[in-house]
Amino acid sequence: MDNILDVFLGLILGGISMYWLFSLFRKKQSKEITTHQSTVLMEKIRSVCKLISVEGDFAEVYKYENTRERFMSLLISKKKALIVIKAKARIGYDLSKILMHADNGKKKIILSNFPEPEVLSIEPDLEFYDIKNGLFNTFTPDDLTSLNIEAKKHIREKIPESGLMDTAKKEALQSVLLIEKIVETIGWKLDYTALHISEKDKKLLDT
């Protein structure tokens, strides 16, 4: 009788142990799957953000003049040219400024910061017309370098009034909504309540 009781107790204890081990393994596996899901989502979000880019083409006429004096200003020599600046400006985002983290327990991706658009590059192409050299003041290779710098500065000053920044902001807002859809496909949620979205920015989506 005692042997039967011992066997019975052993089976009960063994069953409890097996159930405990199975529950622990299943919980650990579930945690690993959730962590894996959040990692995959974060990578997908970063991939979507990398697509945000706006380009603008500019064509500006720039009048260049340079005056040089010699012999106590007794001789004045002027060089001038009419320059057509054709430039491509690229507006985008510094992805290192994107802040987000995963709440695995609530299956939520929290987007706490999305950077403002900025000028990533300006590629000018200069075409010279009506070039006039002075007697001792002629165009040199160094002039081309300085003119490229001036052209970039000139185009950069034109960007705010071009509407490129507003277009870039609109693309960013649309990307946030796209990210939200991607997150929802596997039952997660995107929380971007920490982002400050002005009424002006919201209206961009309707234009």
Protein backbone atom coordinates (compact mmCIF):
# COMPACT_ATOMS: atom_id res chain seq x y z
CA MET A 1 0.00 0.00 0.00
CA ASP A 2 2.82 2.36 0.89
CA ASN A 3 4.50 1.63 -2.44
CA ILE A 4 1.33 2.55 -4.34
CA LEU A 5 1.04 5.81 -2.36
CA ASP A 6 4.67 6.68 -3.07
CA VAL A 7 4.18 6.03 -6.77
CA PHE A 8 1.00 8.13 -6.79
CA LEU A 9 2.71 11.05 -4.99
CA GLY A 10 5.67 10.75 -7.35
CA LEU A 11 3.38 11.01 -10.37
CA ILE A 12 1.65 14.09 -8.92
CA LEU A 13 4.94 15.81 -8.11
CA GLY A 14 6.32 14.87 -11.52
CA GLY A 15 3.24 16.26 -13.24
CA ILE A 16 3.46 19.53 -11.29
CA SER A 17 7.16 19.83 -12.15
CA MET A 18 6.52 19.18 -15.83
CA TYR A 19 3.68 21.74 -15.90
CA TRP A 20 5.88 24.34 -14.18
CA LEU A 21 8.73 23.75 -16.60
CA PHE A 22 6.36 23.87 -19.60
CA SER A 23 4.80 27.14 -18.39
CA LEU A 24 8.23 28.68 -17.81
CA PHE A 25 9.40 27.62 -21.29
CA ARG A 26 6.22 28.92 -22.95
CA LYS A 27 6.50 32.26 -21.13
CA LYS A 28 10.14 32.63 -22.14
CA GLN A 29 9.33 31.70 -25.74
CA SER A 30 6.46 34.21 -25.81
CA LYS A 31 8.79 36.93 -24.48
CA GLU A 32 11.39 36.11 -27.14
CA ILE A 33 8.73 36.27 -29.88
CA THR A 34 7.47 39.64 -28.58
CA THR A 35 11.00 41.03 -28.41
CA HIS A 36 11.67 39.75 -31.92
CA GLN A 37 8.47 41.40 -33.16
CA SER A 38 9.45 44.76 -31.68
CA THR A 39 12.93 44.51 -33.22
CA VAL A 40 11.50 43.72 -36.66
CA LEU A 41 9.03 46.60 -36.34
CA MET A 42 11.78 49.05 -35.39
CA GLU A 43 13.78 48.01 -38.46
CA LYS A 44 10.71 48.38 -40.69
CA ILE A 45 10.07 51.84 -39.30
CA ARG A 46 13.66 52.90 -39.96
CA SER A 47 13.39 51.58 -43.51
CA VAL A 48 10.25 53.65 -44.12
CA CYS A 49 11.88 56.76 -42.69
CA LYS A 50 14.84 56.39 -45.04
CA LEU A 51 12.46 56.92 -47.96
CA ILE A 52 11.64 60.48 -46.94
CA SER A 53 13.36 62.84 -49.40
CA VAL A 54 12.36 65.91 -51.36
CA GLU A 55 14.27 67.38 -54.30
CA GLY A 56 13.91 70.79 -55.86
CA ASP A 57 15.39 72.23 -59.06
CA PHE A 58 16.39 75.89 -59.16
CA ALA A 59 17.38 78.17 -62.03
CA GLU A 60 18.60 81.62 -61.06
CA VAL A 61 20.35 84.43 -62.93
CA TYR A 62 23.23 85.85 -60.91
CA LYS A 63 25.14 88.99 -61.84
CA TYR A 64 28.78 88.89 -60.71
CA GLU A 65 31.08 91.90 -60.55
CA ASN A 66 34.53 92.34 -59.02
CA THR A 67 36.55 95.53 -58.94
CA ARG A 68 40.27 95.76 -58.28
CA GLU A 69 42.24 98.96 -57.73
CA ARG A 70 45.91 99.61 -58.39
CA PHE A 71 48.37 102.46 -57.89
CA MET A 72 46.54 104.17 -55.04
CA SER A 73 43.16 103.75 -56.78
CA LEU A 74 44.35 105.55 -59.86
CA LEU A 75 43.65 102.47 -62.01
CA ILE A 76 40.43 100.55 -61.63
CA SER A 77 39.91 97.20 -63.32
CA LYS A 78 36.56 95.43 -63.30
CA LYS A 79 35.62 91.90 -64.30
CA LYS A 80 32.04 90.79 -64.58
CA ALA A 81 29.86 88.02 -65.87
CA LEU A 82 26.26 86.97 -66.11
CA ILE A 83 25.88 83.55 -64.49
CA VAL A 84 22.97 81.15 -64.77
CA ILE A 85 22.84 78.95 -61.67
CA LYS A 86 21.13 75.61 -62.14
CA ALA A 87 21.01 73.71 -58.88
CA LYS A 88 19.42 70.66 -57.32
CA ALA A 89 18.59 70.92 -53.62
CA ARG A 90 17.80 67.86 -51.50
CA ILE A 91 15.73 68.17 -48.35
CA GLY A 92 15.63 65.32 -45.85
CA TYR A 93 16.03 64.22 -42.27
CA ASP A 94 18.86 63.35 -39.92
CA LEU A 95 17.74 59.81 -39.00
CA SER A 96 19.98 59.75 -35.94
CA LYS A 97 17.56 62.24 -34.33
CA ILE A 98 14.60 59.84 -34.55
CA LEU A 99 13.75 58.61 -31.06
CA MET A 100 11.54 55.54 -30.57
CA HIS A 101 11.31 52.53 -28.30
CA ALA A 102 9.14 49.46 -27.91
CA ASP A 103 6.76 48.67 -25.04
CA ASN A 104 6.65 44.89 -25.41
CA GLY A 105 4.06 44.45 -22.68
CA LYS A 106 1.52 46.70 -24.37
CA LYS A 107 2.69 45.81 -27.90
CA LYS A 108 3.30 49.44 -28.65
CA ILE A 109 5.97 51.38 -30.57
CA ILE A 110 6.44 54.82 -29.03
CA LEU A 111 7.70 57.51 -31.42
CA SER A 112 8.89 60.36 -29.20
CA ASN A 113 10.82 62.53 -31.66
CA PHE A 114 10.82 63.06 -35.41
CA PRO A 115 13.41 65.57 -36.69
CA GLU A 116 12.69 68.76 -38.60
CA PRO A 117 13.54 68.78 -42.33
CA GLU A 118 16.92 70.20 -43.27
CA VAL A 119 18.99 70.87 -46.38
CA LEU A 120 21.07 67.77 -47.03
CA SER A 121 22.86 68.90 -50.18
CA ILE A 122 22.96 71.57 -52.88
CA GLU A 123 24.55 70.72 -56.22
CA PRO A 124 25.05 73.87 -58.34
CA ASP A 125 25.93 73.95 -62.03
CA LEU A 126 27.19 77.33 -63.28
CA GLU A 127 26.92 78.60 -66.84
CA PHE A 128 28.82 81.82 -67.67
CA TYR A 129 27.55 84.40 -70.14
CA ASP A 130 28.79 87.83 -71.18
CA ILE A 131 32.19 87.38 -69.50
CA LYS A 132 34.28 90.54 -69.41
CA ASN A 133 37.80 90.58 -67.97
CA GLY A 134 39.54 93.68 -66.72
CA LEU A 135 43.03 94.82 -67.73
CA PHE A 136 44.66 93.31 -64.65
CA ASN A 137 41.63 91.61 -63.18
CA THR A 138 40.76 88.38 -65.00
CA PHE A 139 38.80 85.25 -64.06
CA THR A 140 40.93 82.50 -62.49
CA PRO A 141 40.24 78.89 -61.36
CA ASP A 142 39.97 80.18 -57.79
CA ASP A 143 37.06 82.36 -58.88
CA LEU A 144 35.12 79.25 -59.90
CA THR A 145 35.56 77.78 -56.41
CA SER A 146 34.38 80.96 -54.69
CA LEU A 147 31.48 81.33 -57.13
CA ASN A 148 30.32 77.77 -56.37
CA ILE A 149 30.30 78.67 -52.67
CA GLU A 150 28.34 81.86 -53.38
CA ALA A 151 25.92 79.94 -55.61
CA LYS A 152 25.18 77.42 -52.84
CA LYS A 153 24.60 80.26 -50.40
CA HIS A 154 22.31 82.02 -52.90
CA ILE A 155 20.21 78.87 -53.49
CA ARG A 156 20.05 78.10 -49.75
CA GLU A 157 18.52 81.54 -49.18
CA LYS A 158 15.87 80.76 -51.83
CA ILE A 159 14.78 77.43 -50.29
CA PRO A 160 12.47 78.79 -47.53
CA GLU A 161 10.29 80.61 -50.08
CA SER A 162 10.25 77.66 -52.50
CA GLY A 163 7.82 75.54 -50.45
CA LEU A 164 10.24 72.59 -50.29
CA MET A 165 10.27 72.55 -46.49
CA ASP A 166 6.45 72.36 -46.36
CA THR A 167 6.52 69.52 -48.89
CA ALA A 168 9.11 67.68 -46.78
CA LYS A 169 6.95 68.11 -43.65
CA LYS A 170 3.94 66.74 -45.53
CA GLU A 171 5.99 63.70 -46.59
CA ALA A 172 7.04 63.19 -42.97
CA LEU A 173 3.44 63.27 -41.71
CA GLN A 174 2.36 60.81 -44.40
CA SER A 175 5.24 58.53 -43.43
CA VAL A 176 4.16 58.56 -39.79
CA LEU A 177 0.69 57.45 -40.91
CA LEU A 178 2.28 54.76 -43.08
CA ILE A 179 4.35 53.57 -40.12
CA GLU A 180 1.13 53.36 -38.10
CA LYS A 181 -0.41 51.06 -40.75
CA ILE A 182 2.67 48.81 -40.79
CA VAL A 183 2.60 48.49 -37.00
CA GLU A 184 -1.11 47.64 -37.02
CA THR A 185 -0.63 44.75 -39.48
CA ILE A 186 0.73 42.52 -36.70
CA GLY A 187 -1.51 43.76 -33.92
CA TRP A 188 0.76 46.46 -32.49
CA LYS A 189 0.03 50.17 -32.06
CA LEU A 190 2.05 53.28 -32.83
CA ASP A 191 2.01 55.98 -30.17
CA TYR A 192 3.12 59.35 -31.56
CA THR A 193 1.25 61.56 -29.10
CA ALA A 194 4.61 62.94 -27.93
CA LEU A 195 5.11 64.58 -31.33
CA HIS A 196 3.99 68.19 -31.59
CA ILE A 197 1.94 68.42 -34.77
CA SER A 198 0.63 71.93 -35.36
CA GLU A 199 -2.66 72.73 -37.05
CA LYS A 200 -0.69 74.14 -39.99
CA ASP A 201 1.13 70.81 -40.40
CA LYS A 202 -2.15 68.87 -40.21
CA LYS A 203 -3.61 71.02 -42.98
CA LEU A 204 -0.68 70.06 -45.21
CA LEU A 205 -2.15 66.56 -45.46
CA ASP A 206 -5.33 68.00 -46.99
CA THR A 207 -3.52 69.98 -49.70
